[in-house]
Amino acid sequence: LGNRLASGPGSGMKFTLDDRTAVIIGPNSVITVDEFAAD
């Protein structure tokens, strides 16, 4: 929680949260999970 996730120019990243929500970011992307709760 709170860490910046960054992908490089030639690849993306996929991760699954504990509620089974699936997130994919494309190349050269930056995303952060700011909050996580049951709802």
PDB file of all heavy atoms in Angstrom:
ATOM      1  N   LEU A   1       0.833  -1.197   0.000  1.00  0.00           N
ATOM      2  CA  LEU A   1       0.000   0.000   0.000  1.00  0.00           C
ATOM      3  C   LEU A   1       0.874   1.256   0.000  1.00  0.00           C
ATOM      4  O   LEU A   1       1.790   1.398   0.814  1.00  0.00           O
ATOM      5  CB  LEU A   1      -0.893  -0.009   1.242  1.00  0.00           C
ATOM      6  CG  LEU A   1      -1.971   1.080   1.329  1.00  0.00           C
ATOM      7  CD1 LEU A   1      -3.061   0.815   0.301  1.00  0.00           C
ATOM      8  CD2 LEU A   1      -2.566   1.120   2.731  1.00  0.00           C
ATOM      9  N   GLY A   2       0.601   2.166  -0.953  1.00  0.00           N
ATOM     10  CA  GLY A   2       1.309   3.430  -1.019  1.00  0.00           C
ATOM     11  C   GLY A   2       2.562   3.431  -1.861  1.00  0.00           C
ATOM     12  O   GLY A   2       3.106   4.509  -2.144  1.00  0.00           O
ATOM     13  N   ASN A   3       3.047   2.265  -2.279  1.00  0.00           N
ATOM     14  CA  ASN A   3       4.251   2.209  -3.113  1.00  0.00           C
ATOM     15  C   ASN A   3       3.913   2.483  -4.574  1.00  0.00           C
ATOM     16  O   ASN A   3       2.902   2.003  -5.087  1.00  0.00           O
ATOM     17  CB  ASN A   3       4.927   0.844  -2.997  1.00  0.00           C
ATOM     18  CG  ASN A   3       5.768   0.713  -1.734  1.00  0.00           C
ATOM     19  OD1 ASN A   3       5.697   1.577  -0.853  1.00  0.00           O
ATOM     20  ND2 ASN A   3       6.538  -0.345  -1.644  1.00  0.00           N
ATOM     21  N   ARG A   4       4.780   3.234  -5.261  1.00  0.00           N
ATOM     22  CA  ARG A   4       4.586   3.501  -6.685  1.00  0.00           C
ATOM     23  C   ARG A   4       5.063   2.289  -7.484  1.00  0.00           C
ATOM     24  O   ARG A   4       6.148   1.761  -7.254  1.00  0.00           O
ATOM     25  CB  ARG A   4       5.366   4.746  -7.113  1.00  0.00           C
ATOM     26  CG  ARG A   4       4.888   6.015  -6.470  1.00  0.00           C
ATOM     27  CD  ARG A   4       5.818   7.175  -6.730  1.00  0.00           C
ATOM     28  NE  ARG A   4       5.610   7.746  -8.066  1.00  0.00           N
ATOM     29  CZ  ARG A   4       6.519   7.743  -9.029  1.00  0.00           C
ATOM     30  NH1 ARG A   4       7.694   7.169  -8.833  1.00  0.00           N
ATOM     31  NH2 ARG A   4       6.264   8.295 -10.205  1.00  0.00           N
ATOM     32  N   LEU A   5       4.223   1.849  -8.421  1.00  0.00           N
ATOM     33  CA  LEU A   5       4.550   0.723  -9.298  1.00  0.00           C
ATOM     34  C   LEU A   5       4.771   1.279 -10.695  1.00  0.00           C
ATOM     35  O   LEU A   5       3.879   1.917 -11.261  1.00  0.00           O
ATOM     36  CB  LEU A   5       3.414  -0.302  -9.298  1.00  0.00           C
ATOM     37  CG  LEU A   5       2.973  -0.801  -7.911  1.00  0.00           C
ATOM     38  CD1 LEU A   5       1.712  -1.646  -8.032  1.00  0.00           C
ATOM     39  CD2 LEU A   5       4.083  -1.586  -7.249  1.00  0.00           C
ATOM     40  N   ALA A   6       5.943   1.038 -11.241  1.00  0.00           N
ATOM     41  CA  ALA A   6       6.294   1.611 -12.538  1.00  0.00           C
ATOM     42  C   ALA A   6       6.710   0.517 -13.501  1.00  0.00           C
ATOM     43  O   ALA A   6       7.373  -0.455 -13.119  1.00  0.00           O
ATOM     44  CB  ALA A   6       7.413   2.633 -12.382  1.00  0.00           C
ATOM     45  N   SER A   7       6.320   0.673 -14.774  1.00  0.00           N
ATOM     46  CA  SER A   7       6.724  -0.257 -15.833  1.00  0.00           C
ATOM     47  C   SER A   7       7.687   0.452 -16.762  1.00  0.00           C
ATOM     48  O   SER A   7       7.690   1.678 -16.877  1.00  0.00           O
ATOM     49  CB  SER A   7       5.496  -0.754 -16.608  1.00  0.00           C
ATOM     50  OG  SER A   7       4.817   0.343 -17.201  1.00  0.00           O
ATOM     51  N   GLY A   8       8.513  -0.341 -17.440  1.00  0.00           N
ATOM     52  CA  GLY A   8       9.502   0.214 -18.353  1.00  0.00           C
ATOM     53  C   GLY A   8       8.932   0.461 -19.733  1.00  0.00           C
ATOM     54  O   GLY A   8       7.751   0.217 -20.002  1.00  0.00           O
ATOM     55  N   PRO A   9       9.777   0.919 -20.650  1.00  0.00           N
ATOM     56  CA  PRO A   9       9.302   1.249 -22.001  1.00  0.00           C
ATOM     57  C   PRO A   9       8.903   0.040 -22.824  1.00  0.00           C
ATOM     58  O   PRO A   9       8.118   0.167 -23.762  1.00  0.00           O
ATOM     59  CB  PRO A   9      10.499   1.973 -22.626  1.00  0.00           C
ATOM     60  CG  PRO A   9      11.680   1.487 -21.848  1.00  0.00           C
ATOM     61  CD  PRO A   9      11.192   1.245 -20.460  1.00  0.00           C
ATOM     62  N   GLY A  10       9.411  -1.149 -22.485  1.00  0.00           N
ATOM     63  CA  GLY A  10       9.118  -2.300 -23.324  1.00  0.00           C
ATOM     64  C   GLY A  10       8.199  -3.329 -22.717  1.00  0.00           C
ATOM     65  O   GLY A  10       7.972  -4.382 -23.314  1.00  0.00           O
ATOM     66  N   SER A  11       7.664  -3.064 -21.537  1.00  0.00           N
ATOM     67  CA  SER A  11       6.816  -4.071 -20.904  1.00  0.00           C
ATOM     68  C   SER A  11       5.847  -3.419 -19.941  1.00  0.00           C
ATOM     69  O   SER A  11       6.039  -2.277 -19.511  1.00  0.00           O
ATOM     70  CB  SER A  11       7.679  -5.091 -20.144  1.00  0.00           C
ATOM     71  OG  SER A  11       8.363  -4.451 -19.086  1.00  0.00           O
ATOM     72  N   GLY A  12       4.797  -4.173 -19.605  1.00  0.00           N
ATOM     73  CA  GLY A  12       3.825  -3.706 -18.635  1.00  0.00           C
ATOM     74  C   GLY A  12       3.936  -4.505 -17.354  1.00  0.00           C
ATOM     75  O   GLY A  12       4.929  -5.174 -17.081  1.00  0.00           O
ATOM     76  N   MET A  13       2.890  -4.450 -16.563  1.00  0.00           N
ATOM     77  CA  MET A  13       2.870  -5.163 -15.291  1.00  0.00           C
ATOM     78  C   MET A  13       1.424  -5.544 -14.961  1.00  0.00           C
ATOM     79  O   MET A  13       0.500  -4.779 -15.200  1.00  0.00           O
ATOM     80  CB  MET A  13       3.427  -4.284 -14.178  1.00  0.00           C
ATOM     81  CG  MET A  13       3.407  -4.918 -12.792  1.00  0.00           C
ATOM     82  SD  MET A  13       3.838  -3.739 -11.472  1.00  0.00           S
ATOM     83  CE  MET A  13       5.484  -3.254 -12.000  1.00  0.00           C
ATOM     84  N   LYS A  14       1.284  -6.753 -14.415  1.00  0.00           N
ATOM     85  CA  LYS A  14      -0.021  -7.203 -13.958  1.00  0.00           C
ATOM     86  C   LYS A  14       0.081  -7.579 -12.492  1.00  0.00           C
ATOM     87  O   LYS A  14       1.053  -8.202 -12.060  1.00  0.00           O
ATOM     88  CB  LYS A  14      -0.498  -8.411 -14.766  1.00  0.00           C
ATOM     89  CG  LYS A  14      -1.864  -8.938 -14.317  1.00  0.00           C
ATOM     90  CD  LYS A  14      -2.288 -10.165 -15.127  1.00  0.00           C
ATOM     91  CE  LYS A  14      -3.645 -10.682 -14.661  1.00  0.00           C
ATOM     92  NZ  LYS A  14      -4.059 -11.892 -15.412  1.00  0.00           N
ATOM     93  N   PHE A  15      -0.925  -7.178 -11.704  1.00  0.00           N
ATOM     94  CA  PHE A  15      -0.973  -7.598 -10.309  1.00  0.00           C
ATOM     95  C   PHE A  15      -2.427  -7.808  -9.899  1.00  0.00           C
ATOM     96  O   PHE A  15      -3.351  -7.272 -10.521  1.00  0.00           O
ATOM     97  CB  PHE A  15      -0.283  -6.596  -9.384  1.00  0.00           C
ATOM     98  CG  PHE A  15      -0.858  -5.200  -9.399  1.00  0.00           C
ATOM     99  CD1 PHE A  15      -1.868  -4.836  -8.517  1.00  0.00           C
ATOM    100  CD2 PHE A  15      -0.371  -4.250 -10.280  1.00  0.00           C
ATOM    101  CE1 PHE A  15      -2.381  -3.542  -8.511  1.00  0.00           C
ATOM    102  CE2 PHE A  15      -0.878  -2.957 -10.285  1.00  0.00           C
ATOM    103  CZ  PHE A  15      -1.886  -2.603  -9.402  1.00  0.00           C
ATOM    104  N   THR A  16      -2.599  -8.621  -8.864  1.00  0.00           N
ATOM    105  CA  THR A  16      -3.929  -8.935  -8.347  1.00  0.00           C
ATOM    106  C   THR A  16      -4.002  -8.509  -6.892  1.00  0.00           C
ATOM    107  O   THR A  16      -3.135  -8.866  -6.081  1.00  0.00           O
ATOM    108  CB  THR A  16      -4.222 -10.439  -8.460  1.00  0.00           C
ATOM    109  OG1 THR A  16      -4.088 -10.840  -9.834  1.00  0.00           O
ATOM    110  CG2 THR A  16      -5.638 -10.748  -7.989  1.00  0.00           C
ATOM    111  N   LEU A  17      -5.027  -7.741  -6.548  1.00  0.00           N
ATOM    112  CA  LEU A  17      -5.217  -7.310  -5.180  1.00  0.00           C
ATOM    113  C   LEU A  17      -5.866  -8.425  -4.362  1.00  0.00           C
ATOM    114  O   LEU A  17      -6.361  -9.405  -4.919  1.00  0.00           O
ATOM    115  CB  LEU A  17      -6.085  -6.050  -5.142  1.00  0.00           C
ATOM    116  CG  LEU A  17      -5.507  -4.824  -5.865  1.00  0.00           C
ATOM    117  CD1 LEU A  17      -6.509  -3.682  -5.854  1.00  0.00           C
ATOM    118  CD2 LEU A  17      -4.187  -4.393  -5.241  1.00  0.00           C
ATOM    119  N   ASP A  18      -5.860  -8.265  -3.061  1.00  0.00           N
ATOM    120  CA  ASP A  18      -6.371  -9.313  -2.186  1.00  0.00           C
ATOM    121  C   ASP A  18      -7.875  -9.537  -2.335  1.00  0.00           C
ATOM    122  O   ASP A  18      -8.390 -10.570  -1.896  1.00  0.00           O
ATOM    123  CB  ASP A  18      -6.047  -8.982  -0.721  1.00  0.00           C
ATOM    124  CG  ASP A  18      -4.567  -9.146  -0.416  1.00  0.00           C
ATOM    125  OD1 ASP A  18      -3.862  -9.781  -1.236  1.00  0.00           O
ATOM    126  OD2 ASP A  18      -4.111  -8.646   0.630  1.00  0.00           O
ATOM    127  N   ASP A  19      -8.589  -8.593  -2.936  1.00  0.00           N
ATOM    128  CA  ASP A  19     -10.021  -8.798  -3.192  1.00  0.00           C
ATOM    129  C   ASP A  19     -10.270  -9.418  -4.563  1.00  0.00           C
ATOM    130  O   ASP A  19     -11.411  -9.485  -5.012  1.00  0.00           O
ATOM    131  CB  ASP A  19     -10.782  -7.474  -3.061  1.00  0.00           C
ATOM    132  CG  ASP A  19     -10.353  -6.452  -4.119  1.00  0.00           C
ATOM    133  OD1 ASP A  19      -9.423  -6.749  -4.913  1.00  0.00           O
ATOM    134  OD2 ASP A  19     -10.941  -5.366  -4.169  1.00  0.00           O
ATOM    135  N   ARG A  20      -9.187  -9.852  -5.241  1.00  0.00           N
ATOM    136  CA  ARG A  20      -9.205 -10.484  -6.565  1.00  0.00           C
ATOM    137  C   ARG A  20      -9.419  -9.487  -7.710  1.00  0.00           C
ATOM    138  O   ARG A  20      -9.661  -9.899  -8.847  1.00  0.00           O
ATOM    139  CB  ARG A  20     -10.265 -11.609  -6.637  1.00  0.00           C
ATOM    140  CG  ARG A  20      -9.997 -12.737  -5.646  1.00  0.00           C
ATOM    141  CD  ARG A  20     -10.972 -13.897  -5.854  1.00  0.00           C
ATOM    142  NE  ARG A  20     -10.753 -14.955  -4.891  1.00  0.00           N
ATOM    143  CZ  ARG A  20      -9.829 -15.906  -4.993  1.00  0.00           C
ATOM    144  NH1 ARG A  20      -9.023 -15.903  -6.042  1.00  0.00           N
ATOM    145  NH2 ARG A  20      -9.700 -16.828  -4.068  1.00  0.00           N
ATOM    146  N   THR A  21      -9.335  -8.223  -7.435  1.00  0.00           N
ATOM    147  CA  THR A  21      -9.340  -7.234  -8.507  1.00  0.00           C
ATOM    148  C   THR A  21      -8.017  -7.330  -9.267  1.00  0.00           C
ATOM    149  O   THR A  21      -6.940  -7.301  -8.667  1.00  0.00           O
ATOM    150  CB  THR A  21      -9.511  -5.815  -7.939  1.00  0.00           C
ATOM    151  OG1 THR A  21     -10.829  -5.699  -7.389  1.00  0.00           O
ATOM    152  CG2 THR A  21      -9.328  -4.747  -9.011  1.00  0.00           C
ATOM    153  N   ALA A  22      -8.104  -7.458 -10.589  1.00  0.00           N
ATOM    154  CA  ALA A  22      -6.912  -7.596 -11.428  1.00  0.00           C
ATOM    155  C   ALA A  22      -6.612  -6.269 -12.116  1.00  0.00           C
ATOM    156  O   ALA A  22      -7.508  -5.633 -12.683  1.00  0.00           O
ATOM    157  CB  ALA A  22      -7.113  -8.687 -12.469  1.00  0.00           C
ATOM    158  N   VAL A  23      -5.358  -5.856 -12.046  1.00  0.00           N
ATOM    159  CA  VAL A  23      -4.929  -4.577 -12.619  1.00  0.00           C
ATOM    160  C   VAL A  23      -3.740  -4.827 -13.537  1.00  0.00           C
ATOM    161  O   VAL A  23      -2.812  -5.559 -13.192  1.00  0.00           O
ATOM    162  CB  VAL A  23      -4.528  -3.576 -11.519  1.00  0.00           C
ATOM    163  CG1 VAL A  23      -4.160  -2.230 -12.134  1.00  0.00           C
ATOM    164  CG2 VAL A  23      -5.647  -3.405 -10.498  1.00  0.00           C
ATOM    165  N   ILE A  24      -3.784  -4.212 -14.706  1.00  0.00           N
ATOM    166  CA  ILE A  24      -2.675  -4.269 -15.656  1.00  0.00           C
ATOM    167  C   ILE A  24      -2.315  -2.837 -16.034  1.00  0.00           C
ATOM    168  O   ILE A  24      -3.204  -2.018 -16.293  1.00  0.00           O
ATOM    169  CB  ILE A  24      -3.047  -5.049 -16.923  1.00  0.00           C
ATOM    170  CG1 ILE A  24      -3.506  -6.472 -16.583  1.00  0.00           C
ATOM    171  CG2 ILE A  24      -1.881  -5.090 -17.899  1.00  0.00           C
ATOM    172  CD1 ILE A  24      -4.083  -7.220 -17.767  1.00  0.00           C
ATOM    173  N   ILE A  25      -1.031  -2.548 -16.048  1.00  0.00           N
ATOM    174  CA  ILE A  25      -0.588  -1.257 -16.576  1.00  0.00           C
ATOM    175  C   ILE A  25       0.293  -1.518 -17.795  1.00  0.00           C
ATOM    176  O   ILE A  25       1.005  -2.509 -17.867  1.00  0.00           O
ATOM    177  CB  ILE A  25       0.173  -0.419 -15.532  1.00  0.00           C
ATOM    178  CG1 ILE A  25       1.402  -1.164 -14.979  1.00  0.00           C
ATOM    179  CG2 ILE A  25      -0.750  -0.023 -14.398  1.00  0.00           C
ATOM    180  CD1 ILE A  25       2.269  -0.322 -14.059  1.00  0.00           C
ATOM    181  N   GLY A  26       0.191  -0.627 -18.762  1.00  0.00           N
ATOM    182  CA  GLY A  26       0.959  -0.773 -19.985  1.00  0.00           C
ATOM    183  C   GLY A  26       2.367  -0.236 -19.835  1.00  0.00           C
ATOM    184  O   GLY A  26       2.805   0.148 -18.742  1.00  0.00           O
ATOM    185  N   PRO A  27       3.122  -0.187 -20.937  1.00  0.00           N
ATOM    186  CA  PRO A  27       4.491   0.341 -20.891  1.00  0.00           C
ATOM    187  C   PRO A  27       4.523   1.799 -20.441  1.00  0.00           C
ATOM    188  O   PRO A  27       3.581   2.566 -20.669  1.00  0.00           O
ATOM    189  CB  PRO A  27       4.965   0.196 -22.344  1.00  0.00           C
ATOM    190  CG  PRO A  27       4.084  -0.869 -22.925  1.00  0.00           C
ATOM    191  CD  PRO A  27       2.763  -0.703 -22.268  1.00  0.00           C
ATOM    192  N   ASN A  28       5.623   2.165 -19.790  1.00  0.00           N
ATOM    193  CA  ASN A  28       5.833   3.546 -19.334  1.00  0.00           C
ATOM    194  C   ASN A  28       4.669   4.056 -18.478  1.00  0.00           C
ATOM    195  O   ASN A  28       4.199   5.180 -18.659  1.00  0.00           O
ATOM    196  CB  ASN A  28       6.050   4.485 -20.527  1.00  0.00           C
ATOM    197  CG  ASN A  28       7.376   4.241 -21.210  1.00  0.00           C
ATOM    198  OD1 ASN A  28       8.392   4.029 -20.552  1.00  0.00           O
ATOM    199  ND2 ASN A  28       7.377   4.257 -22.543  1.00  0.00           N
ATOM    200  N   SER A  29       4.209   3.239 -17.570  1.00  0.00           N
ATOM    201  CA  SER A  29       3.074   3.597 -16.715  1.00  0.00           C
ATOM    202  C   SER A  29       3.496   3.605 -15.250  1.00  0.00           C
ATOM    203  O   SER A  29       4.417   2.896 -14.852  1.00  0.00           O
ATOM    204  CB  SER A  29       1.918   2.610 -16.911  1.00  0.00           C
ATOM    205  OG  SER A  29       1.483   2.596 -18.259  1.00  0.00           O
ATOM    206  N   VAL A  30       2.807   4.415 -14.466  1.00  0.00           N
ATOM    207  CA  VAL A  30       3.042   4.492 -13.025  1.00  0.00           C
ATOM    208  C   VAL A  30       1.698   4.495 -12.321  1.00  0.00           C
ATOM    209  O   VAL A  30       0.822   5.309 -12.642  1.00  0.00           O
ATOM    210  CB  VAL A  30       3.841   5.750 -12.628  1.00  0.00           C
ATOM    211  CG1 VAL A  30       3.984   5.819 -11.102  1.00  0.00           C
ATOM    212  CG2 VAL A  30       5.198   5.765 -13.282  1.00  0.00           C
ATOM    213  N   ILE A  31       1.528   3.590 -11.353  1.00  0.00           N
ATOM    214  CA  ILE A  31       0.274   3.494 -10.608  1.00  0.00           C
ATOM    215  C   ILE A  31       0.589   3.242  -9.138  1.00  0.00           C
ATOM    216  O   ILE A  31       1.640   2.680  -8.800  1.00  0.00           O
ATOM    217  CB  ILE A  31      -0.622   2.375 -11.185  1.00  0.00           C
ATOM    218  CG1 ILE A  31      -2.070   2.531 -10.706  1.00  0.00           C
ATOM    219  CG2 ILE A  31      -0.081   0.994 -10.834  1.00  0.00           C
ATOM    220  CD1 ILE A  31      -3.059   1.630 -11.452  1.00  0.00           C
ATOM    221  N   THR A  32      -0.307   3.664  -8.254  1.00  0.00           N
ATOM    222  CA  THR A  32      -0.156   3.482  -6.812  1.00  0.00           C
ATOM    223  C   THR A  32      -1.488   3.018  -6.230  1.00  0.00           C
ATOM    224  O   THR A  32      -2.540   3.512  -6.640  1.00  0.00           O
ATOM    225  CB  THR A  32       0.254   4.798  -6.121  1.00  0.00           C
ATOM    226  OG1 THR A  32       1.427   5.312  -6.742  1.00  0.00           O
ATOM    227  CG2 THR A  32       0.513   4.583  -4.635  1.00  0.00           C
ATOM    228  N   VAL A  33      -1.422   2.071  -5.295  1.00  0.00           N
ATOM    229  CA  VAL A  33      -2.616   1.694  -4.530  1.00  0.00           C
ATOM    230  C   VAL A  33      -2.655   2.604  -3.309  1.00  0.00           C
ATOM    231  O   VAL A  33      -1.903   2.414  -2.350  1.00  0.00           O
ATOM    232  CB  VAL A  33      -2.580   0.206  -4.102  1.00  0.00           C
ATOM    233  CG1 VAL A  33      -3.876  -0.166  -3.394  1.00  0.00           C
ATOM    234  CG2 VAL A  33      -2.356  -0.700  -5.312  1.00  0.00           C
ATOM    235  N   ASP A  34      -3.521   3.605  -3.342  1.00  0.00           N
ATOM    236  CA  ASP A  34      -3.576   4.588  -2.252  1.00  0.00           C
ATOM    237  C   ASP A  34      -4.414   4.105  -1.071  1.00  0.00           C
ATOM    238  O   ASP A  34      -4.106   4.420   0.078  1.00  0.00           O
ATOM    239  CB  ASP A  34      -4.150   5.913  -2.769  1.00  0.00           C
ATOM    240  CG  ASP A  34      -3.109   6.732  -3.517  1.00  0.00           C
ATOM    241  OD1 ASP A  34      -1.916   6.407  -3.417  1.00  0.00           O
ATOM    242  OD2 ASP A  34      -3.491   7.703  -4.202  1.00  0.00           O
ATOM    243  N   GLU A  35      -5.497   3.386  -1.356  1.00  0.00           N
ATOM    244  CA  GLU A  35      -6.370   2.882  -0.295  1.00  0.00           C
ATOM    245  C   GLU A  35      -6.812   1.468  -0.654  1.00  0.00           C
ATOM    246  O   GLU A  35      -6.991   1.143  -1.826  1.00  0.00           O
ATOM    247  CB  GLU A  35      -7.612   3.757  -0.114  1.00  0.00           C
ATOM    248  CG  GLU A  35      -7.339   5.176   0.366  1.00  0.00           C
ATOM    249  CD  GLU A  35      -8.624   5.955   0.566  1.00  0.00           C
ATOM    250  OE1 GLU A  35      -9.644   5.345   0.991  1.00  0.00           O
ATOM    251  OE2 GLU A  35      -8.638   7.169   0.283  1.00  0.00           O
ATOM    252  N   PHE A  36      -7.010   0.640   0.385  1.00  0.00           N
ATOM    253  CA  PHE A  36      -7.515  -0.709   0.144  1.00  0.00           C
ATOM    254  C   PHE A  36      -8.365  -1.128   1.335  1.00  0.00           C
ATOM    255  O   PHE A  36      -7.886  -1.164   2.473  1.00  0.00           O
ATOM    256  CB  PHE A  36      -6.380  -1.710  -0.068  1.00  0.00           C
ATOM    257  CG  PHE A  36      -6.867  -3.103  -0.359  1.00  0.00           C
ATOM    258  CD1 PHE A  36      -7.218  -3.456  -1.659  1.00  0.00           C
ATOM    259  CD2 PHE A  36      -7.021  -4.032   0.644  1.00  0.00           C
ATOM    260  CE1 PHE A  36      -7.701  -4.732  -1.933  1.00  0.00           C
ATOM    261  CE2 PHE A  36      -7.496  -5.302   0.385  1.00  0.00           C
ATOM    262  CZ  PHE A  36      -7.845  -5.652  -0.914  1.00  0.00           C
ATOM    263  N   ALA A  37      -9.635  -1.424   1.073  1.00  0.00           N
ATOM    264  CA  ALA A  37     -10.557  -1.895   2.108  1.00  0.00           C
ATOM    265  C   ALA A  37     -11.514  -2.899   1.478  1.00  0.00           C
ATOM    266  O   ALA A  37     -11.518  -3.115   0.253  1.00  0.00           O
ATOM    267  CB  ALA A  37     -11.332  -0.720   2.718  1.00  0.00           C
ATOM    268  N   ALA A  38     -12.337  -3.524   2.325  1.00  0.00           N
ATOM    269  CA  ALA A  38     -13.252  -4.556   1.833  1.00  0.00           C
ATOM    270  C   ALA A  38     -14.266  -3.992   0.841  1.00  0.00           C
ATOM    271  O   ALA A  38     -14.751  -4.716  -0.031  1.00  0.00           O
ATOM    272  CB  ALA A  38     -13.973  -5.209   3.019  1.00  0.00           C
ATOM    273  N   ASP A  39     -14.599  -2.714   0.954  1.00  0.00           N
ATOM    274  CA  ASP A  39     -15.613  -2.133   0.074  1.00  0.00           C
ATOM    275  C   ASP A  39     -15.134  -0.846  -0.610  1.00  0.00           C
ATOM    276  O   ASP A  39     -15.946  -0.083  -1.125  1.00  0.00           O
ATOM    277  CB  ASP A  39     -16.892  -1.842   0.864  1.00  0.00           C
ATOM    278  CG  ASP A  39     -16.638  -0.897   2.038  1.00  0.00           C
ATOM    279  OD1 ASP A  39     -15.452  -0.602   2.318  1.00  0.00           O
ATOM    280  OD2 ASP A  39     -17.606  -0.464   2.670  1.00  0.00           O
TER     281      ASP A  39
END
